[in-house]
Amino acid sequence: MTLWLTIGAVAVLSFTCKAFGPALFGGRTLSPRVRSVIAFTAPALLAGFVVVDVLGPRWSAVDLTVLAGLAVVPLLLWRRAPLPVALVAAVAVTALLRIP
């Protein structure tokens, strides 16, 4: 029951926060600093999710195969590979390293 109450509370809070933005700032233009903070929120959250997923529960179980797969992405992007190619290569490296 606690889980569903938490999910409901998060849903209501999310809806409320999303409704306040247009209500408070509907006709105004935001400053460049505020726009940059908003633009970097999603990548920061994604990076946090990746770190938590890689380091495991309670940050105690590092999965080296996932680290190897993640290391492939910046290398391929640095070599000007398209993002879908880099992601498929990361998945392939991780899968190949997990084969016993």
N, C-alpha and C. Protein backbone atom coordinates (compact mmCIF):
# COMPACT_ATOMS: atom_id res chain seq x y z
N MET A 1 0.82 -1.19 0.00
CA MET A 1 0.00 0.00 0.00
C MET A 1 0.86 1.26 0.00
N THR A 2 1.97 1.22 0.75
CA THR A 2 2.85 2.38 0.81
C THR A 2 3.43 2.72 -0.56
N LEU A 3 3.75 1.69 -1.33
CA LEU A 3 4.30 1.91 -2.67
C LEU A 3 3.31 2.67 -3.54
N TRP A 4 2.04 2.27 -3.52
CA TRP A 4 1.05 2.94 -4.36
C TRP A 4 0.78 4.36 -3.87
N LEU A 5 0.82 4.58 -2.58
CA LEU A 5 0.67 5.95 -2.08
C LEU A 5 1.84 6.83 -2.53
N THR A 6 3.02 6.26 -2.51
CA THR A 6 4.20 7.00 -2.96
C THR A 6 4.10 7.31 -4.44
N ILE A 7 3.70 6.34 -5.25
CA ILE A 7 3.55 6.57 -6.69
C ILE A 7 2.50 7.64 -6.95
N GLY A 8 1.39 7.57 -6.23
CA GLY A 8 0.35 8.59 -6.38
C GLY A 8 0.84 9.97 -5.98
N ALA A 9 1.57 10.05 -4.88
CA ALA A 9 2.08 11.34 -4.42
C ALA A 9 3.07 11.93 -5.42
N VAL A 10 3.93 11.09 -5.96
CA VAL A 10 4.90 11.57 -6.96
C VAL A 10 4.18 12.03 -8.22
N ALA A 11 3.13 11.31 -8.63
CA ALA A 11 2.37 11.71 -9.82
C ALA A 11 1.70 13.07 -9.59
N VAL A 12 1.09 13.26 -8.43
CA VAL A 12 0.44 14.53 -8.13
C VAL A 12 1.46 15.66 -8.06
N LEU A 13 2.59 15.42 -7.42
CA LEU A 13 3.63 16.43 -7.32
C LEU A 13 4.19 16.78 -8.70
N SER A 14 4.39 15.78 -9.53
CA SER A 14 4.89 16.02 -10.89
C SER A 14 3.89 16.86 -11.68
N PHE A 15 2.62 16.50 -11.62
CA PHE A 15 1.61 17.26 -12.33
C PHE A 15 1.56 18.70 -11.82
N THR A 16 1.64 18.88 -10.51
CA THR A 16 1.60 20.21 -9.93
C THR A 16 2.78 21.06 -10.39
N CYS A 17 3.97 20.47 -10.37
CA CYS A 17 5.16 21.21 -10.81
C CYS A 17 5.06 21.58 -12.28
N LYS A 18 4.55 20.67 -13.09
CA LYS A 18 4.42 20.95 -14.53
C LYS A 18 3.35 21.99 -14.79
N ALA A 19 2.34 22.07 -13.94
CA ALA A 19 1.28 23.06 -14.12
C ALA A 19 1.73 24.44 -13.66
N PHE A 20 2.61 24.51 -12.66
CA PHE A 20 3.06 25.80 -12.15
C PHE A 20 3.91 26.55 -13.16
N GLY A 21 4.69 25.85 -13.95
CA GLY A 21 5.55 26.51 -14.92
C GLY A 21 4.79 27.41 -15.86
N PRO A 22 3.85 26.88 -16.64
CA PRO A 22 3.08 27.74 -17.54
C PRO A 22 2.23 28.77 -16.80
N ALA A 23 1.72 28.41 -15.62
CA ALA A 23 0.87 29.35 -14.88
C ALA A 23 1.67 30.56 -14.40
N LEU A 24 2.90 30.33 -13.95
CA LEU A 24 3.69 31.42 -13.41
C LEU A 24 4.48 32.18 -14.48
N PHE A 25 4.97 31.46 -15.48
CA PHE A 25 5.85 32.08 -16.47
C PHE A 25 5.28 32.05 -17.88
N GLY A 26 3.97 31.93 -18.01
CA GLY A 26 3.33 31.76 -19.31
C GLY A 26 3.69 32.81 -20.34
N GLY A 27 3.61 34.08 -20.02
CA GLY A 27 3.86 35.13 -21.01
C GLY A 27 5.23 35.75 -20.93
N ARG A 28 6.09 35.26 -20.07
CA ARG A 28 7.41 35.87 -19.87
C ARG A 28 8.49 35.11 -20.61
N THR A 29 9.53 35.82 -20.94
CA THR A 29 10.71 35.14 -21.48
C THR A 29 11.69 34.93 -20.33
N LEU A 30 12.25 33.76 -20.28
CA LEU A 30 13.17 33.43 -19.20
C LEU A 30 14.56 33.94 -19.53
N SER A 31 15.33 34.19 -18.49
CA SER A 31 16.70 34.65 -18.70
C SER A 31 17.54 33.52 -19.27
N PRO A 32 18.64 33.86 -19.95
CA PRO A 32 19.50 32.81 -20.51
C PRO A 32 20.03 31.85 -19.44
N ARG A 33 20.31 32.35 -18.26
CA ARG A 33 20.82 31.50 -17.18
C ARG A 33 19.77 30.46 -16.77
N VAL A 34 18.53 30.89 -16.62
CA VAL A 34 17.46 29.96 -16.24
C VAL A 34 17.23 28.94 -17.35
N ARG A 35 17.25 29.39 -18.61
CA ARG A 35 17.08 28.45 -19.73
C ARG A 35 18.20 27.43 -19.77
N SER A 36 19.43 27.83 -19.45
CA SER A 36 20.54 26.88 -19.47
C SER A 36 20.40 25.86 -18.33
N VAL A 37 19.91 26.30 -17.18
CA VAL A 37 19.69 25.37 -16.07
C VAL A 37 18.62 24.35 -16.46
N ILE A 38 17.55 24.81 -17.07
CA ILE A 38 16.48 23.91 -17.50
C ILE A 38 17.00 22.94 -18.56
N ALA A 39 17.82 23.43 -19.47
CA ALA A 39 18.35 22.57 -20.54
C ALA A 39 19.25 21.47 -20.00
N PHE A 40 19.97 21.73 -18.90
CA PHE A 40 20.89 20.74 -18.36
C PHE A 40 20.27 19.82 -17.32
N THR A 41 19.01 20.01 -17.00
CA THR A 41 18.36 19.17 -15.99
C THR A 41 18.20 17.74 -16.48
N ALA A 42 17.70 17.55 -17.69
CA ALA A 42 17.49 16.19 -18.21
C ALA A 42 18.80 15.41 -18.35
N PRO A 43 19.87 15.99 -18.94
CA PRO A 43 21.12 15.23 -18.99
C PRO A 43 21.69 14.90 -17.62
N ALA A 44 21.52 15.79 -16.65
CA ALA A 44 22.02 15.52 -15.31
C ALA A 44 21.26 14.36 -14.67
N LEU A 45 19.94 14.34 -14.85
CA LEU A 45 19.16 13.22 -14.31
C LEU A 45 19.52 11.91 -15.00
N LEU A 46 19.71 11.96 -16.32
CA LEU A 46 20.09 10.75 -17.04
C LEU A 46 21.44 10.24 -16.56
N ALA A 47 22.40 11.13 -16.37
CA ALA A 47 23.71 10.72 -15.86
C ALA A 47 23.60 10.09 -14.48
N GLY A 48 22.75 10.65 -13.64
CA GLY A 48 22.54 10.07 -12.32
C GLY A 48 21.96 8.67 -12.40
N PHE A 49 21.00 8.47 -13.29
CA PHE A 49 20.41 7.14 -13.45
C PHE A 49 21.45 6.15 -13.95
N VAL A 50 22.30 6.57 -14.88
CA VAL A 50 23.33 5.67 -15.41
C VAL A 50 24.32 5.30 -14.31
N VAL A 51 24.74 6.26 -13.52
CA VAL A 51 25.70 5.98 -12.44
C VAL A 51 25.11 5.00 -11.44
N VAL A 52 23.88 5.22 -11.04
CA VAL A 52 23.24 4.33 -10.07
C VAL A 52 23.08 2.94 -10.66
N ASP A 53 22.72 2.86 -11.94
CA ASP A 53 22.54 1.55 -12.56
C ASP A 53 23.86 0.81 -12.71
N VAL A 54 24.93 1.52 -13.03
CA VAL A 54 26.23 0.87 -13.22
C VAL A 54 26.82 0.41 -11.89
N LEU A 55 26.67 1.21 -10.87
CA LEU A 55 27.29 0.87 -9.58
C LEU A 55 26.48 -0.13 -8.77
N GLY A 56 25.27 -0.41 -9.17
CA GLY A 56 24.49 -1.46 -8.52
C GLY A 56 23.79 -1.00 -7.28
N PRO A 57 23.07 -1.93 -6.65
CA PRO A 57 22.34 -1.58 -5.43
C PRO A 57 23.30 -1.15 -4.32
N ARG A 58 22.97 -0.06 -3.72
CA ARG A 58 23.79 0.52 -2.63
C ARG A 58 25.23 0.77 -3.06
N TRP A 59 25.43 0.94 -4.34
CA TRP A 59 26.73 1.26 -4.94
C TRP A 59 27.79 0.25 -4.54
N SER A 60 27.43 -1.02 -4.51
CA SER A 60 28.37 -2.03 -4.05
C SER A 60 28.67 -3.10 -5.10
N ALA A 61 27.97 -3.12 -6.20
CA ALA A 61 28.14 -4.19 -7.18
C ALA A 61 28.42 -3.59 -8.56
N VAL A 62 29.65 -3.23 -8.81
CA VAL A 62 30.01 -2.64 -10.10
C VAL A 62 30.02 -3.74 -11.15
N ASP A 63 29.30 -3.52 -12.24
CA ASP A 63 29.25 -4.47 -13.34
C ASP A 63 30.27 -4.02 -14.39
N LEU A 64 31.38 -4.72 -14.46
CA LEU A 64 32.47 -4.33 -15.36
C LEU A 64 32.09 -4.47 -16.83
N THR A 65 31.16 -5.38 -17.14
CA THR A 65 30.75 -5.49 -18.53
C THR A 65 29.99 -4.25 -18.99
N VAL A 66 29.20 -3.69 -18.10
CA VAL A 66 28.48 -2.45 -18.43
C VAL A 66 29.47 -1.29 -18.56
N LEU A 67 30.47 -1.25 -17.68
CA LEU A 67 31.49 -0.20 -17.79
C LEU A 67 32.22 -0.28 -19.12
N ALA A 68 32.54 -1.49 -19.57
CA ALA A 68 33.21 -1.65 -20.86
C ALA A 68 32.31 -1.18 -21.99
N GLY A 69 31.03 -1.53 -21.92
CA GLY A 69 30.09 -1.07 -22.94
C GLY A 69 29.95 0.44 -22.95
N LEU A 70 29.91 1.04 -21.77
CA LEU A 70 29.82 2.50 -21.69
C LEU A 70 31.09 3.18 -22.20
N ALA A 71 32.22 2.53 -22.04
CA ALA A 71 33.48 3.11 -22.50
C ALA A 71 33.54 3.15 -24.03
N VAL A 72 32.82 2.26 -24.69
CA VAL A 72 32.83 2.22 -26.15
C VAL A 72 32.14 3.45 -26.74
N VAL A 73 31.09 3.92 -26.09
CA VAL A 73 30.30 5.02 -26.65
C VAL A 73 31.12 6.29 -26.87
N PRO A 74 31.82 6.83 -25.85
CA PRO A 74 32.57 8.06 -26.12
C PRO A 74 33.69 7.85 -27.14
N LEU A 75 34.27 6.66 -27.15
CA LEU A 75 35.33 6.40 -28.13
C LEU A 75 34.79 6.47 -29.56
N LEU A 76 33.65 5.84 -29.78
CA LEU A 76 33.07 5.86 -31.13
C LEU A 76 32.54 7.25 -31.50
N LEU A 77 31.98 7.94 -30.54
CA LEU A 77 31.52 9.31 -30.83
C LEU A 77 32.69 10.23 -31.12
N TRP A 78 33.80 10.01 -30.45
CA TRP A 78 35.01 10.79 -30.71
C TRP A 78 35.51 10.54 -32.13
N ARG A 79 35.34 9.30 -32.61
CA ARG A 79 35.74 8.93 -33.96
C ARG A 79 34.67 9.28 -35.00
N ARG A 80 33.67 10.07 -34.61
CA ARG A 80 32.61 10.57 -35.47
C ARG A 80 31.62 9.49 -35.95
N ALA A 81 31.43 8.47 -35.15
CA ALA A 81 30.43 7.46 -35.47
C ALA A 81 29.04 8.01 -35.12
N PRO A 82 28.01 7.64 -35.86
CA PRO A 82 26.66 8.09 -35.50
C PRO A 82 26.24 7.49 -34.16
N LEU A 83 25.38 8.21 -33.45
CA LEU A 83 24.96 7.77 -32.13
C LEU A 83 24.31 6.38 -32.13
N PRO A 84 23.42 6.07 -33.07
CA PRO A 84 22.86 4.71 -33.06
C PRO A 84 23.92 3.62 -33.22
N VAL A 85 24.93 3.88 -34.02
CA VAL A 85 26.02 2.91 -34.19
C VAL A 85 26.78 2.74 -32.88
N ALA A 86 27.04 3.83 -32.19
CA ALA A 86 27.75 3.77 -30.92
C ALA A 86 26.94 3.01 -29.87
N LEU A 87 25.63 3.23 -29.85
CA LEU A 87 24.80 2.53 -28.88
C LEU A 87 24.72 1.03 -29.17
N VAL A 88 24.58 0.68 -30.43
CA VAL A 88 24.53 -0.74 -30.79
C VAL A 88 25.87 -1.40 -30.47
N ALA A 89 26.97 -0.70 -30.72
CA ALA A 89 28.29 -1.24 -30.40
C ALA A 89 28.45 -1.44 -28.89
N ALA A 90 27.93 -0.51 -28.09
CA ALA A 90 28.01 -0.65 -26.64
C ALA A 90 27.22 -1.86 -26.16
N VAL A 91 26.05 -2.05 -26.72
CA VAL A 91 25.25 -3.22 -26.35
C VAL A 91 25.96 -4.50 -26.78
N ALA A 92 26.55 -4.49 -27.97
CA ALA A 92 27.25 -5.67 -28.46
C ALA A 92 28.46 -6.01 -27.59
N VAL A 93 29.22 -5.01 -27.20
CA VAL A 93 30.40 -5.24 -26.35
C VAL A 93 29.96 -5.82 -25.01
N THR A 94 28.93 -5.24 -24.43
CA THR A 94 28.43 -5.74 -23.15
C THR A 94 27.94 -7.18 -23.28
N ALA A 95 27.20 -7.46 -24.33
CA ALA A 95 26.67 -8.81 -24.52
C ALA A 95 27.80 -9.81 -24.76
N LEU A 96 28.78 -9.44 -25.56
CA LEU A 96 29.89 -10.35 -25.83
C LEU A 96 30.71 -10.64 -24.57
N LEU A 97 30.87 -9.64 -23.73
CA LEU A 97 31.63 -9.86 -22.49
C LEU A 97 30.85 -10.71 -21.47
N ARG A 98 29.55 -10.77 -21.63
CA ARG A 98 28.74 -11.57 -20.69
C ARG A 98 28.61 -13.02 -21.13
N ILE A 99 29.06 -13.35 -22.33
CA ILE A 99 29.02 -14.75 -22.78
C ILE A 99 30.04 -15.54 -21.98
N PRO A 100 29.60 -16.64 -21.34
CA PRO A 100 30.55 -17.40 -20.51
C PRO A 100 31.60 -18.11 -21.31
